[in-house]
Protein backbone atom coordinates (compact mmCIF):
# COMPACT_ATOMS: atom_id res chain seq x y z
CA UNK A 1 -19.02 -3.73 -5.43
CA UNK A 2 -15.64 -2.57 -6.71
CA UNK A 3 -12.40 -2.99 -4.83
CA UNK A 4 -9.85 -0.20 -4.88
CA UNK A 5 -6.27 -1.08 -5.71
CA UNK A 6 -3.53 1.48 -5.20
CA UNK A 7 -0.39 0.88 -7.23
CA UNK A 8 2.28 2.84 -5.40
CA UNK A 9 5.60 3.48 -7.14
CA UNK A 10 8.64 4.95 -5.41
CA UNK A 11 12.37 4.73 -4.81
CA UNK A 12 14.04 3.88 -1.52
CA UNK A 13 16.35 6.06 0.57
CA UNK A 14 17.25 3.16 2.89
CA UNK A 15 18.25 -0.49 2.65
CA UNK A 16 15.78 -3.06 1.37
CA UNK A 17 15.86 -4.84 4.74
CA UNK A 18 15.02 -1.72 6.73
CA UNK A 19 12.24 -0.82 4.31
CA UNK A 20 10.69 -4.30 4.53
CA UNK A 21 10.66 -4.12 8.34
CA UNK A 22 9.08 -0.65 8.25
CA UNK A 23 6.57 -1.79 5.61
CA UNK A 24 5.48 -4.77 7.72
CA UNK A 25 4.88 -2.53 10.77
CA UNK A 26 3.02 0.02 8.63
CA UNK A 27 0.73 -2.61 7.12
CA UNK A 28 -0.10 -3.98 10.58
CA UNK A 29 -0.88 -0.49 11.87
CA UNK A 30 -2.98 0.56 8.86
CA UNK A 31 -4.96 -2.71 8.96
CA UNK A 32 -5.68 -2.23 12.68
CA UNK A 33 -6.88 1.34 12.15
CA UNK A 34 -8.62 0.67 8.84
CA UNK A 35 -9.98 -2.88 8.65
CA UNK A 36 -11.22 -2.29 5.12
CA UNK A 37 -7.61 -2.65 3.98
CA UNK A 38 -7.97 -6.12 2.50
CA UNK A 39 -4.49 -7.02 1.33
CA UNK A 40 -1.02 -5.73 0.59
CA UNK A 41 0.07 -8.78 -1.41
CA UNK A 42 3.35 -7.76 -2.94
CA UNK A 43 6.12 -5.23 -3.27
CA UNK A 44 8.48 -5.64 -6.20
CA UNK A 45 11.61 -3.94 -7.51
CA UNK A 46 11.48 -2.88 -11.15
CA UNK A 47 14.34 -3.13 -13.63
CA UNK A 48 14.93 0.65 -13.35
CA UNK A 49 15.48 0.39 -9.58
CA UNK A 50 12.10 1.81 -8.59
CA UNK A 51 9.58 -0.19 -6.59
CA UNK A 52 5.87 -0.95 -6.95
CA UNK A 53 3.67 -1.81 -3.97
CA UNK A 54 0.04 -2.96 -4.20
CA UNK A 55 -2.49 -1.95 -1.51
CA UNK A 56 -6.06 -3.29 -1.91
CA UNK A 57 -9.02 -1.78 -0.09
CA UNK A 58 -12.67 -2.78 0.08
CA UNK A 59 -13.60 0.45 -1.72
CA UNK A 60 -12.22 3.77 -2.92
CA UNK A 61 -13.88 5.41 0.10
CA UNK A 62 -11.97 3.05 2.41
CA UNK A 63 -8.69 3.89 0.66
CA UNK A 64 -9.43 7.61 0.86
CA UNK A 65 -10.18 7.31 4.59
CA UNK A 66 -6.90 5.48 5.25
CA UNK A 67 -4.94 8.01 3.20
CA UNK A 68 -6.58 10.92 5.03
CA UNK A 69 -5.54 9.34 8.35
CA UNK A 70 -1.90 8.69 7.34
CA UNK A 71 -0.46 11.51 9.45
CA UNK A 72 -2.01 9.86 12.55
CA UNK A 73 -0.28 6.52 11.90
CA UNK A 74 3.32 6.75 13.20
CA UNK A 75 4.48 3.39 11.83
CA UNK A 76 3.14 4.30 8.39
CA UNK A 77 4.88 7.68 8.58
CA UNK A 78 8.20 5.96 9.43
CA UNK A 79 7.86 3.88 6.27
CA UNK A 80 6.81 6.90 4.23
CA UNK A 81 9.91 8.79 5.43
CA UNK A 82 12.24 6.36 3.63
CA UNK A 83 10.57 6.46 0.20
CA UNK A 84 10.97 9.13 -2.47
CA UNK A 85 9.25 10.03 -5.72
CA UNK A 86 5.95 8.53 -4.62
CA UNK A 87 3.26 8.13 -7.28
CA UNK A 88 -0.08 6.49 -6.55
CA UNK A 89 -2.25 5.11 -9.32
CA UNK A 90 -5.75 4.41 -8.02
CA UNK A 91 -7.67 1.69 -9.83
CA UNK A 92 -11.03 0.06 -9.31
CA UNK A 93 -11.56 -3.66 -9.74
CA UNK A 94 -15.07 -5.07 -10.06
CA UNK A 95 -15.68 -7.94 -7.67
CA UNK A 96 -16.55 -10.19 -10.63
CA UNK A 97 -13.05 -9.66 -12.06
CA UNK A 98 -11.32 -11.21 -9.03
CA UNK A 99 -10.08 -14.72 -9.72
CA UNK A 100 -9.76 -16.82 -6.57
CA UNK A 101 -6.84 -19.19 -6.37
CA UNK A 102 -7.78 -22.83 -6.61
């Protein structure tokens, strides 16, 4: 089995605080609608002012299903409305490459 990790880069058109609140609501909504969303472990600001957000799904098919349903997820769409220049790099991670924390 391979997990699917989406590395999403973007810039913000709102305050960090508002974005974080919108992001939290979006993650909750996506997870409820698409339980194969496994983790959204971090969001970090880069030196150039852009952001990177990591979304991990059970599979590429699960990620594709969630992305196809985005327009039906109002909390996700609220978050999406405050980000610009979105780029999504889709990667696959073999299960054997995951290192559990001790």
